[in-house]
Protein backbone atom coordinates (compact mmCIF):
# COMPACT_ATOMS: atom_id res chain seq x y z
CA MET A 1 -3.26 12.02 -4.18
CA THR A 2 -0.60 10.44 -2.02
CA LEU A 3 -0.57 6.68 -2.15
CA PRO A 4 1.12 4.64 0.55
CA VAL A 5 3.72 2.19 -0.61
CA ARG A 6 2.62 -1.44 -0.70
CA LEU A 7 3.68 -5.07 -1.49
CA SER A 8 1.84 -7.19 -4.05
CA ILE A 9 4.65 -9.73 -4.43
CA THR A 10 4.01 -11.51 -1.13
CA ALA A 11 0.28 -11.45 -1.82
CA VAL A 12 0.91 -13.46 -4.95
CA CYS A 13 3.28 -15.77 -3.03
CA SER A 14 0.37 -16.50 -0.71
CA LEU A 15 -1.75 -17.46 -3.69
CA VAL A 16 1.00 -19.76 -4.95
CA CYS A 17 1.20 -21.58 -1.63
CA VAL A 18 -2.52 -22.24 -1.21
CA GLY A 19 -2.99 -23.01 -4.88
CA ALA A 20 -0.33 -25.71 -4.77
CA GLY A 21 -1.44 -27.13 -1.46
CA GLY A 22 -4.99 -28.02 -2.41
CA GLN A 23 -7.91 -27.72 0.02
CA SER A 24 -7.18 -25.35 2.90
CA ALA A 25 -8.28 -25.81 6.53
CA ASP A 26 -11.52 -24.21 7.73
CA LYS A 27 -10.44 -21.04 9.57
CA SER A 28 -13.79 -19.24 9.55
CA GLY A 29 -14.19 -19.52 13.33
CA TYR A 30 -11.03 -17.60 14.23
CA THR A 31 -11.26 -13.95 15.31
CA LEU A 32 -9.16 -11.18 16.84
CA PHE A 33 -9.79 -12.72 20.28
CA ASN A 34 -9.55 -16.33 19.10
CA PRO A 35 -6.40 -16.15 16.95
CA THR A 36 -5.54 -18.38 14.03
CA PRO A 37 -2.91 -20.96 15.13
CA ILE A 38 0.52 -20.06 13.81
CA ASP A 39 0.79 -23.31 11.83
CA LEU A 40 -2.42 -22.41 9.93
CA ARG A 41 -1.39 -18.87 8.97
CA ARG A 42 -1.17 -18.06 5.29
CA ALA A 43 2.07 -16.79 3.72
CA LEU A 44 2.97 -13.23 4.69
CA ALA A 45 1.24 -10.62 2.52
CA ALA A 46 1.75 -6.87 2.91
CA ASP A 47 0.54 -3.62 1.37
CA ARG A 48 4.08 -2.40 0.61
CA PRO A 49 6.36 -1.48 -1.08
CA ASP A 50 4.51 -1.01 -4.39
CA ALA A 51 1.47 1.26 -4.79
CA THR A 52 -0.82 -1.70 -5.48
CA GLU A 53 -2.63 -2.98 -2.40
CA SER A 54 -2.63 -6.66 -1.53
CA PRO A 55 -6.10 -8.29 -1.55
CA ILE A 56 -4.89 -10.73 1.15
CA SER A 57 -5.94 -9.84 4.71
CA VAL A 58 -3.98 -10.43 7.92
CA ASP A 59 -4.87 -13.69 9.67
CA ALA A 60 -7.34 -13.39 12.54
CA GLY A 61 -5.59 -12.40 15.77
CA ALA A 62 -2.29 -11.56 14.07
CA VAL A 63 -0.66 -8.13 14.35
CA GLN A 64 1.37 -6.82 11.42
CA ILE A 65 3.59 -3.75 11.22
CA GLU A 66 4.50 -2.33 7.82
CA ALA A 67 6.77 0.71 7.96
CA SER A 68 9.32 2.70 6.03
CA PHE A 69 12.49 3.58 7.89
CA VAL A 70 12.42 6.87 5.99
CA GLU A 71 10.87 8.18 2.77
CA TYR A 72 12.45 10.96 0.71
CA THR A 73 10.44 12.97 -1.83
CA TYR A 74 11.85 15.52 -4.28
CA ASN A 75 9.84 17.74 -6.60
CA ASP A 76 10.81 20.64 -8.83
CA ASP A 77 7.90 22.48 -10.45
CA ALA A 78 6.67 26.00 -11.19
CA ASP A 79 6.49 26.75 -7.46
CA GLY A 80 10.15 25.82 -6.94
CA GLU A 81 12.02 22.89 -5.41
CA THR A 82 10.59 20.90 -2.50
CA SER A 83 12.32 18.19 -0.45
CA ARG A 84 10.38 16.12 2.06
CA PHE A 85 11.47 13.53 4.63
CA ASP A 86 8.85 11.26 6.23
CA LEU A 87 10.17 9.47 9.30
CA ALA A 88 8.77 5.99 9.97
CA PRO A 89 5.38 6.16 8.20
CA THR A 90 3.68 3.09 9.61
CA ASN A 91 0.71 0.86 8.81
CA LEU A 92 -0.40 -1.09 11.90
CA LYS A 93 -2.76 -3.98 11.12
CA PHE A 94 -4.96 -6.18 13.29
CA GLY A 95 -6.58 -9.36 11.92
CA LEU A 96 -10.29 -9.26 12.81
CA THR A 97 -11.57 -12.41 11.10
CA ASN A 98 -10.22 -14.86 8.56
CA ARG A 99 -11.33 -12.48 5.81
CA SER A 100 -10.86 -9.01 7.29
CA ASP A 101 -8.44 -6.71 9.08
CA VAL A 102 -8.37 -3.13 10.33
CA GLN A 103 -5.43 -0.83 9.63
CA ILE A 104 -4.14 2.38 11.20
CA ILE A 105 -1.68 4.48 9.17
CA TRP A 106 0.27 7.38 10.66
CA THR A 107 3.50 9.30 10.05
CA PRO A 108 5.13 10.35 13.36
CA TYR A 109 7.23 13.13 11.86
CA THR A 110 7.58 14.96 8.54
CA PHE A 111 10.07 17.65 7.55
CA GLU A 112 9.49 19.59 4.35
CA GLU A 113 11.93 22.10 2.88
CA VAL A 114 10.26 24.42 0.38
CA GLY A 115 12.24 26.41 -2.20
CA ASP A 116 10.84 29.76 -1.10
CA GLY A 117 12.26 29.26 2.38
CA ARG A 118 9.03 28.15 4.07
CA ASP A 119 9.99 24.99 5.95
CA ASN A 120 7.26 22.82 7.48
CA ASP A 121 7.45 20.01 9.98
CA GLY A 122 5.20 18.07 12.34
CA PHE A 123 2.91 15.08 12.68
CA GLY A 124 1.04 13.49 9.79
CA ASP A 125 -2.62 12.64 9.36
CA LEU A 126 -4.26 9.49 10.71
CA GLN A 127 -5.81 7.10 8.21
CA VAL A 128 -8.10 4.21 9.19
CA ARG A 129 -8.76 1.41 6.70
CA TYR A 130 -10.77 -1.82 6.65
CA LYS A 131 -9.86 -4.67 4.30
CA HIS A 132 -12.38 -7.38 3.43
CA ASN A 133 -11.21 -10.22 1.21
CA LEU A 134 -13.94 -11.42 -1.17
CA TRP A 135 -12.08 -14.49 -2.39
CA GLY A 136 -8.60 -16.01 -2.62
CA ASN A 137 -7.31 -15.53 0.93
CA ASP A 138 -6.55 -19.22 1.42
CA GLU A 139 -7.10 -20.96 -1.91
CA GLY A 140 -7.19 -20.37 -5.64
CA SER A 141 -4.92 -18.55 -8.08
CA THR A 142 -6.66 -15.15 -7.83
CA ALA A 143 -7.79 -12.85 -5.01
CA LEU A 144 -10.00 -9.76 -4.71
CA ALA A 145 -10.76 -7.41 -1.83
CA LEU A 146 -12.55 -4.20 -0.85
CA LEU A 147 -10.59 -1.58 1.09
CA PRO A 148 -12.53 1.51 2.25
CA PHE A 149 -10.55 4.19 4.10
CA VAL A 150 -11.00 7.46 5.99
CA THR A 151 -8.27 10.10 6.53
CA LEU A 152 -8.60 12.25 9.65
CA PRO A 153 -7.03 15.75 9.75
CA THR A 154 -4.73 15.12 12.72
CA GLY A 155 -1.58 16.45 11.03
CA ASP A 156 0.05 19.77 11.73
CA ASP A 157 -0.73 22.80 9.54
CA GLU A 158 0.83 22.70 6.05
CA ILE A 159 1.62 18.99 6.54
CA GLY A 160 -1.74 17.26 6.52
CA VAL A 161 -5.23 17.70 5.15
CA SER A 162 -7.63 20.27 6.59
CA ASP A 163 -10.80 18.16 6.43
CA VAL A 164 -11.93 14.54 6.56
CA GLU A 165 -11.22 12.62 3.34
CA GLY A 166 -12.07 9.08 2.29
CA GLY A 167 -12.44 6.60 -0.51
CA LEU A 168 -12.40 2.99 -1.67
CA VAL A 169 -9.69 0.73 -3.14
CA VAL A 170 -10.46 -2.52 -4.99
CA PRO A 171 -7.25 -4.62 -5.29
CA PHE A 172 -6.82 -7.82 -7.34
CA ALA A 173 -3.91 -10.28 -7.55
CA ALA A 174 -3.21 -13.32 -9.72
CA ASP A 175 -0.59 -16.08 -9.71
CA LEU A 176 0.66 -16.24 -13.31
CA ALA A 177 1.99 -19.78 -12.83
CA ALA A 178 -1.57 -20.79 -13.75
CA VAL A 179 -0.78 -19.64 -17.31
CA GLY A 180 2.75 -21.08 -17.39
CA LEU A 181 4.71 -18.09 -16.06
CA ASP A 182 6.32 -19.64 -12.99
CA GLY A 183 7.58 -17.14 -10.44
CA PHE A 184 5.53 -14.25 -11.84
CA GLY A 185 2.63 -12.51 -10.11
CA LEU A 186 0.26 -9.80 -11.32
CA GLY A 187 -1.43 -7.15 -9.20
CA THR A 188 -3.82 -4.35 -10.11
CA GLN A 189 -6.31 -2.04 -8.43
CA VAL A 190 -8.71 0.84 -8.94
CA GLU A 191 -9.20 3.59 -6.37
CA VAL A 192 -11.62 6.46 -5.91
CA ALA A 193 -10.91 9.15 -3.30
CA PHE A 194 -12.85 12.20 -2.20
CA VAL A 195 -10.31 14.86 -1.24
CA GLN A 196 -10.26 18.50 -0.23
CA ASP A 197 -10.25 21.15 -2.92
CA GLU A 198 -7.86 24.07 -2.97
CA GLN A 199 -10.89 26.28 -2.31
CA PRO A 200 -12.14 26.32 1.32
CA GLY A 201 -14.95 23.81 1.78
CA GLY A 202 -14.53 22.42 -1.73
CA GLN A 203 -14.09 18.76 -2.63
CA ASP A 204 -12.60 16.91 -5.60
CA THR A 205 -12.92 13.33 -6.77
CA GLU A 206 -9.67 11.60 -7.70
CA LEU A 207 -9.21 8.27 -9.46
CA ALA A 208 -6.18 6.01 -9.62
CA HIS A 209 -5.33 2.72 -11.30
CA THR A 210 -2.25 0.52 -11.05
CA LEU A 211 -0.62 -2.48 -12.69
CA VAL A 212 2.33 -4.29 -11.12
CA LEU A 213 4.33 -7.32 -12.23
CA GLY A 214 6.39 -9.16 -9.62
CA TYR A 215 8.98 -11.88 -10.04
CA ASP A 216 10.57 -14.22 -7.48
CA VAL A 217 14.29 -14.18 -8.31
CA THR A 218 14.99 -16.70 -5.52
CA ASP A 219 13.05 -18.11 -2.57
CA ARG A 220 13.98 -14.97 -0.61
CA ILE A 221 14.40 -12.21 -3.21
CA GLY A 222 11.63 -10.62 -5.25
CA VAL A 223 11.56 -7.68 -7.68
CA TYR A 224 8.72 -5.68 -9.20
CA GLY A 225 7.92 -3.06 -11.80
CA GLU A 226 4.77 -0.97 -11.67
CA TYR A 227 2.70 1.63 -13.49
CA VAL A 228 0.41 4.02 -11.61
CA GLY A 229 -2.02 6.49 -13.16
CA GLU A 230 -3.67 9.24 -11.10
CA ALA A 231 -6.44 11.48 -12.42
CA SER A 232 -8.43 14.36 -10.98
CA LEU A 233 -12.04 14.97 -11.95
CA GLY A 234 -11.77 18.59 -10.80
CA SER A 235 -11.46 21.66 -12.97
CA ASP A 236 -7.78 20.98 -13.83
CA GLY A 237 -8.52 17.44 -15.07
CA GLN A 238 -4.88 16.38 -14.73
CA TYR A 239 -3.64 12.83 -15.35
CA VAL A 240 -0.30 11.89 -13.80
CA PRO A 241 1.57 8.74 -14.95
CA ILE A 242 4.01 7.29 -12.41
CA LEU A 243 6.64 4.55 -12.77
CA SER A 244 7.74 2.49 -9.78
CA GLY A 245 10.12 -0.35 -9.05
CA GLY A 246 11.90 -2.10 -6.21
CA ALA A 247 12.89 -5.31 -4.47
CA THR A 248 12.10 -7.36 -1.37
CA TYR A 249 14.21 -9.69 0.77
CA GLU A 250 12.64 -12.25 3.11
CA LEU A 251 14.58 -12.59 6.37
CA ASN A 252 12.14 -15.22 7.66
CA PRO A 253 8.47 -16.17 7.07
CA ASP A 254 7.34 -13.25 9.28
CA THR A 255 9.85 -10.53 8.29
CA VAL A 256 10.50 -8.91 4.89
CA LEU A 257 12.79 -5.99 4.02
CA ASP A 258 12.12 -3.81 0.97
CA ALA A 259 13.40 -0.81 -0.98
CA GLY A 260 12.18 1.03 -4.05
CA PHE A 261 11.38 4.23 -5.91
CA ARG A 262 8.53 6.08 -7.61
CA ALA A 263 8.88 8.79 -10.28
CA ALA A 264 6.23 10.78 -12.11
CA THR A 265 6.77 11.33 -15.82
CA GLU A 266 4.80 14.60 -15.82
CA ASP A 267 5.45 17.88 -13.95
CA GLU A 268 2.27 17.53 -11.89
CA GLY A 269 3.63 14.57 -9.87
CA ASP A 270 6.62 14.11 -7.59
CA ASP A 271 9.87 13.86 -9.53
CA LEU A 272 11.32 11.17 -7.27
CA VAL A 273 10.36 9.21 -4.16
CA LEU A 274 12.89 6.88 -2.48
CA PHE A 275 12.07 4.54 0.39
CA ALA A 276 13.22 1.51 2.36
CA GLY A 277 11.24 -0.38 4.96
CA ILE A 278 10.19 -3.55 6.71
CA THR A 279 7.16 -5.76 7.31
CA ILE A 280 6.93 -7.75 10.55
CA ARG A 281 4.14 -10.12 11.62
CA PHE A 282 3.51 -11.15 15.23
């Protein structure tokens, strides 16, 4: 399955801030139409650039844009070489309550160059997600959330899926300062997705798990290393291990730049994915 890039590092930074600050203010009454005051917002947390989702939701009434400037994917397998450029894949988030947000993910344009000469281009699919934080949004050293999603087949032929797909992600984050590792944060998640089969009308179940370790080099710079495992429960039963790494740079409390890579260590996955992007909160 294709996993959007995400940021666990700032999620852990959020945990650090509320954990050190003691009792947080009561923000349960704020909603999309009664926004959280800016001075009560939690530290910025995004779902990029690593593959591990953040369990921290967007503050009520806030709007957050998480986007890659461009993503480049290269793969060389038995079917030949494939190069793919995704232009501005974007996750647009709206804070619904103090514990939940809704997200809309879409890629405006994709160009794919296939080794056999069949080039494809067009719009991507539309994915709608809902994040509900179970604990840790504003206090504590750990956080957990539920993130169900639905993918709609709005993409052009050969670019997107041909039927509705969906699934559930359960992300977890922990501030490792609680065990004496200052500056380090841990993120992990499990995901189940129900995706289209290669046979018309067929459906497969796919599972994924991740583990990411982030470190704050300075107040503005963070780095991370990550392991992702993807498995199909279909007839092929493939398991694909993926290594990922990257860095973030905080321009200000509401803007973070990032860059990174992903690389599968088996032929079934993409050989290399490169990306650079930005997170902005309004």
